Protein backbone atom coordinates (compact mmCIF):
# COMPACT_ATOMS: atom_id res chain seq x y z
CA UNK A 1 0.00 0.00 0.00
CA UNK A 2 1.21 3.50 -0.83
CA UNK A 3 2.36 5.56 2.13
CA UNK A 4 0.44 8.75 2.84
CA UNK A 5 2.16 12.12 3.08
CA UNK A 6 2.42 14.23 6.22
CA UNK A 7 1.70 17.93 5.73
CA UNK A 8 2.39 20.76 8.16
CA UNK A 9 0.13 23.79 7.67
CA UNK A 10 0.73 27.09 9.42
CA UNK A 11 -0.66 30.61 9.09
CA UNK A 12 -1.51 33.66 11.16
CA UNK A 13 -5.06 33.69 12.51
CA UNK A 14 -7.43 34.96 9.82
CA UNK A 15 -5.35 33.88 6.82
CA UNK A 16 -7.92 31.22 5.90
CA UNK A 17 -5.99 28.04 6.68
CA UNK A 18 -8.90 26.21 8.35
CA UNK A 19 -11.28 27.17 5.54
CA UNK A 20 -8.87 25.83 2.92
CA UNK A 21 -8.43 22.55 4.76
CA UNK A 22 -12.21 22.16 5.19
CA UNK A 23 -12.85 22.86 1.50
CA UNK A 24 -10.21 20.34 0.48
CA UNK A 25 -11.59 17.62 2.74
CA UNK A 26 -15.11 18.15 1.35
CA UNK A 27 -13.79 17.24 -2.10
CA UNK A 28 -12.05 14.09 -0.84
CA UNK A 29 -14.50 11.43 -2.01
CA UNK A 30 -12.08 8.55 -1.38
CA UNK A 31 -11.37 9.61 2.23
CA UNK A 32 -7.63 9.68 1.60
CA UNK A 33 -7.06 12.88 3.59
CA UNK A 34 -7.61 13.85 7.19
CA UNK A 35 -6.71 16.46 9.79
CA UNK A 36 -4.79 15.12 12.76
CA UNK A 37 -6.76 15.18 16.03
CA UNK A 38 -4.66 16.47 18.92
CA UNK A 39 -4.58 15.40 22.56
CA UNK A 40 -5.26 18.05 25.19
CA UNK A 41 -5.59 18.26 28.95
CA UNK A 42 -8.22 21.01 28.88
CA UNK A 43 -11.85 20.14 29.31
CA UNK A 44 -14.21 19.91 26.32
CA UNK A 45 -16.12 23.04 25.35
CA UNK A 46 -19.81 22.99 24.42
CA UNK A 47 -20.27 21.13 21.15
CA UNK A 48 -16.83 19.53 21.12
CA UNK A 49 -16.76 15.78 20.50
CA UNK A 50 -14.18 13.32 21.81
CA UNK A 51 -12.05 12.01 18.97
CA UNK A 52 -13.38 14.60 16.51
CA UNK A 53 -12.15 17.90 17.89
CA UNK A 54 -9.64 16.59 20.45
CA UNK A 55 -8.75 13.59 22.54
CA UNK A 56 -9.36 14.83 26.08
CA UNK A 57 -7.00 13.28 28.63
CA UNK A 58 -5.80 13.99 32.16
CA UNK A 59 -2.51 15.73 32.91
CA UNK A 60 -1.22 12.45 34.34
CA UNK A 61 -2.09 10.54 31.17
CA UNK A 62 -0.54 13.23 28.96
CA UNK A 63 2.70 13.23 30.95
CA UNK A 64 2.79 9.43 30.79
CA UNK A 65 2.62 9.67 26.99
CA UNK A 66 5.41 12.27 27.04
CA UNK A 67 7.58 9.94 29.09
CA UNK A 68 7.00 7.17 26.54
CA UNK A 69 7.97 9.54 23.69
CA UNK A 70 4.58 9.03 22.02
CA UNK A 71 4.08 12.61 20.84
CA UNK A 72 5.29 13.91 17.51
CA UNK A 73 5.16 17.35 19.13
CA UNK A 74 3.62 18.86 22.22
CA UNK A 75 3.50 22.11 24.15
CA UNK A 76 2.23 23.50 27.43
CA UNK A 77 0.35 26.67 26.62
CA UNK A 78 -0.80 29.69 28.58
CA UNK A 79 -3.18 28.50 31.27
CA UNK A 80 -1.21 25.34 31.94
CA UNK A 81 -2.90 22.99 29.48
CA UNK A 82 -0.98 20.55 27.31
CA UNK A 83 -1.61 20.04 23.59
CA UNK A 84 0.12 17.36 21.53
CA UNK A 85 0.10 15.28 18.36
CA UNK A 86 0.07 11.49 18.79
CA UNK A 87 2.90 9.79 16.92
CA UNK A 88 1.26 6.30 16.77
CA UNK A 89 -1.96 7.77 15.34
CA UNK A 90 -0.05 9.65 12.64
CA UNK A 91 1.99 6.57 11.70
CA UNK A 92 -1.14 4.40 11.51
CA UNK A 93 -2.94 6.74 9.12
CA UNK A 94 0.11 7.33 6.92
CA UNK A 95 0.63 3.56 6.67
CA UNK A 96 -3.00 3.27 5.48
CA UNK A 97 -2.17 5.60 2.58
CA UNK A 98 -3.95 8.62 4.08
CA UNK A 99 -2.49 12.12 3.73
CA UNK A 100 -2.49 13.74 7.17
CA UNK A 101 -2.64 17.49 7.77
CA UNK A 102 -1.20 19.04 10.92
CA UNK A 103 -2.78 22.42 11.63
CA UNK A 104 0.02 23.80 13.77
CA UNK A 105 2.13 26.88 14.53
CA UNK A 106 5.72 27.44 13.47
CA UNK A 107 7.11 26.24 16.80
CA UNK A 108 5.35 22.89 16.50
CA UNK A 109 6.46 22.72 12.88
CA UNK A 110 10.09 22.98 13.95
CA UNK A 111 9.65 20.06 16.35
CA UNK A 112 8.01 17.92 13.67
CA UNK A 113 10.70 18.57 11.04
CA UNK A 114 13.31 17.17 13.42
CA UNK A 115 11.36 13.93 13.88
CA UNK A 116 9.91 13.59 10.38
CA UNK A 117 12.27 15.20 7.83
CA UNK A 118 10.08 13.92 4.98
CA UNK A 119 7.06 15.99 6.13
CA UNK A 120 6.08 18.71 3.68
CA UNK A 121 5.18 22.13 5.04
CA UNK A 122 2.86 24.81 3.69
CA UNK A 123 2.52 28.39 4.95
CA UNK A 124 -0.63 30.38 4.17
CA UNK A 125 -0.13 34.13 3.76
CA UNK A 126 -2.83 36.83 3.71
CA UNK A 127 -2.67 39.28 0.77
CA UNK A 128 -1.98 42.16 3.20
CA UNK A 129 -2.07 43.02 6.89
CA UNK A 130 -5.03 45.29 6.21
CA UNK A 131 -6.99 42.42 4.70
CA UNK A 132 -5.99 40.15 7.56
CA UNK A 133 -7.35 42.66 10.09
CA UNK A 134 -10.54 43.08 8.03
CA UNK A 135 -11.13 39.33 8.09
CA UNK A 136 -10.58 39.13 11.85
CA UNK A 137 -13.04 41.98 12.42
CA UNK A 138 -15.51 40.42 9.98
CA UNK A 139 -15.68 37.23 12.03
CA UNK A 140 -17.43 39.15 14.78
CA UNK A 141 -15.97 36.77 17.35
CA UNK A 142 -13.26 38.79 19.06
CA UNK A 143 -12.94 42.02 20.97
CA UNK A 144 -10.75 44.87 19.72
CA UNK A 145 -8.09 43.89 22.26
CA UNK A 146 -8.03 40.26 21.05
CA UNK A 147 -7.84 41.37 17.42
CA UNK A 148 -4.97 43.73 18.24
CA UNK A 149 -3.17 40.86 19.96
CA UNK A 150 -3.71 38.55 16.99
CA UNK A 151 -2.39 41.22 14.62
CA UNK A 152 0.74 41.75 16.72
CA UNK A 153 1.39 38.01 16.74
CA UNK A 154 0.72 37.72 13.00
CA UNK A 155 3.90 39.54 12.03
CA UNK A 156 6.00 37.27 14.29
CA UNK A 157 4.35 34.20 12.76
CA UNK A 158 4.76 35.42 9.18
CA UNK A 159 8.48 35.98 9.80
CA UNK A 160 8.92 32.19 9.78
CA UNK A 161 7.37 31.69 6.33
CA UNK A 162 10.77 30.94 4.77
CA UNK A 163 11.12 27.76 6.86
CA UNK A 164 8.36 26.12 4.78
CA UNK A 165 8.47 24.15 1.54
CA UNK A 166 5.48 25.89 -0.05
CA UNK A 167 3.82 29.28 0.35
CA UNK A 168 0.24 30.05 -0.71
CA UNK A 169 -1.10 33.60 -0.78
CA UNK A 170 -4.80 33.42 0.08
CA UNK A 171 -6.09 36.45 -1.81
CA UNK A 172 -8.67 34.74 -4.03
CA UNK A 173 -9.99 31.68 -2.12
CA UNK A 174 -10.66 29.50 -5.17
CA UNK A 175 -7.17 30.16 -6.53
CA UNK A 176 -5.62 29.42 -3.13
CA UNK A 177 -7.57 26.15 -2.98
CA UNK A 178 -6.38 25.25 -6.48
CA UNK A 179 -2.79 25.98 -5.40
CA UNK A 180 -3.28 23.75 -2.35
CA UNK A 181 -4.59 20.92 -4.55
CA UNK A 182 -1.67 21.38 -6.95
CA UNK A 183 0.82 20.85 -4.13
CA UNK A 184 -0.84 17.61 -3.09
CA UNK A 185 -1.02 16.41 -6.68
CA UNK A 186 2.66 17.18 -7.28
CA UNK A 187 3.70 15.34 -4.12
CA UNK A 188 1.83 12.25 -5.29
CA UNK A 189 3.79 12.35 -8.56
CA UNK A 190 7.26 12.34 -7.02
CA UNK A 191 9.62 9.54 -8.00
CA UNK A 192 9.52 7.93 -4.56
CA UNK A 193 5.71 7.97 -4.46
CA UNK A 194 5.27 6.64 -7.99
CA UNK A 195 7.83 3.86 -7.46
CA UNK A 196 5.44 2.48 -4.83
CA UNK A 197 2.13 3.46 -6.39
CA UNK A 198 2.99 2.19 -9.88
CA UNK A 199 5.47 -0.56 -8.97
CA UNK A 200 3.74 -3.32 -10.97
CA UNK A 201 3.30 -1.10 -14.05
CA UNK A 202 6.94 -0.01 -13.97
CA UNK A 203 8.04 -3.64 -13.63
CA UNK A 204 5.94 -4.59 -16.68
CA UNK A 205 7.29 -1.70 -18.73
CA UNK A 206 10.84 -2.75 -17.89
CA UNK A 207 10.13 -6.38 -18.66
CA UNK A 208 10.69 -7.39 -15.06
CA UNK A 209 7.18 -8.55 -14.22
CA UNK A 210 6.96 -12.07 -12.85
């Protein structure tokens, strides 16, 4: 079976990363793509479902998994809660030929690259800071103070764009989605991928078929 690809996706809040991932998954009729579900020690919020939004575990359980080196990456965030990506879950899905997306910040991306050098990374840029702020305001979810904080963090996040393999500017959504799809298509056409995917055909063409 062909191995799936691991993708790291990062962007400042409001750049449209989650919308792009959702749109891509809606077009995945064969269910060969998925977003990784993280573990967290915080309690579930209204509407959140175990195993869909997060895996909710105790601090003791999380730290046990850390000790066993079972996280691809993890962090303890403001407020004292842990968040992490399960290494066994990622490996299981990749082995099943499923492309896995990690919706993660640049710090988590750095951790993952050290453990999985073959992971491909994509950074989503807004067309301008003015447009980014307009989108954040247009959500109607955050106060002016929260938006100001997100904008101040956006520049710091964007400064790490050159650590990524691909960069998509999300100005026109449909074009950005097409660019996203093009990256996935290109990765499935690499020599290493095709040597596995089309092994029997290649053997026949070379006269090596049994």
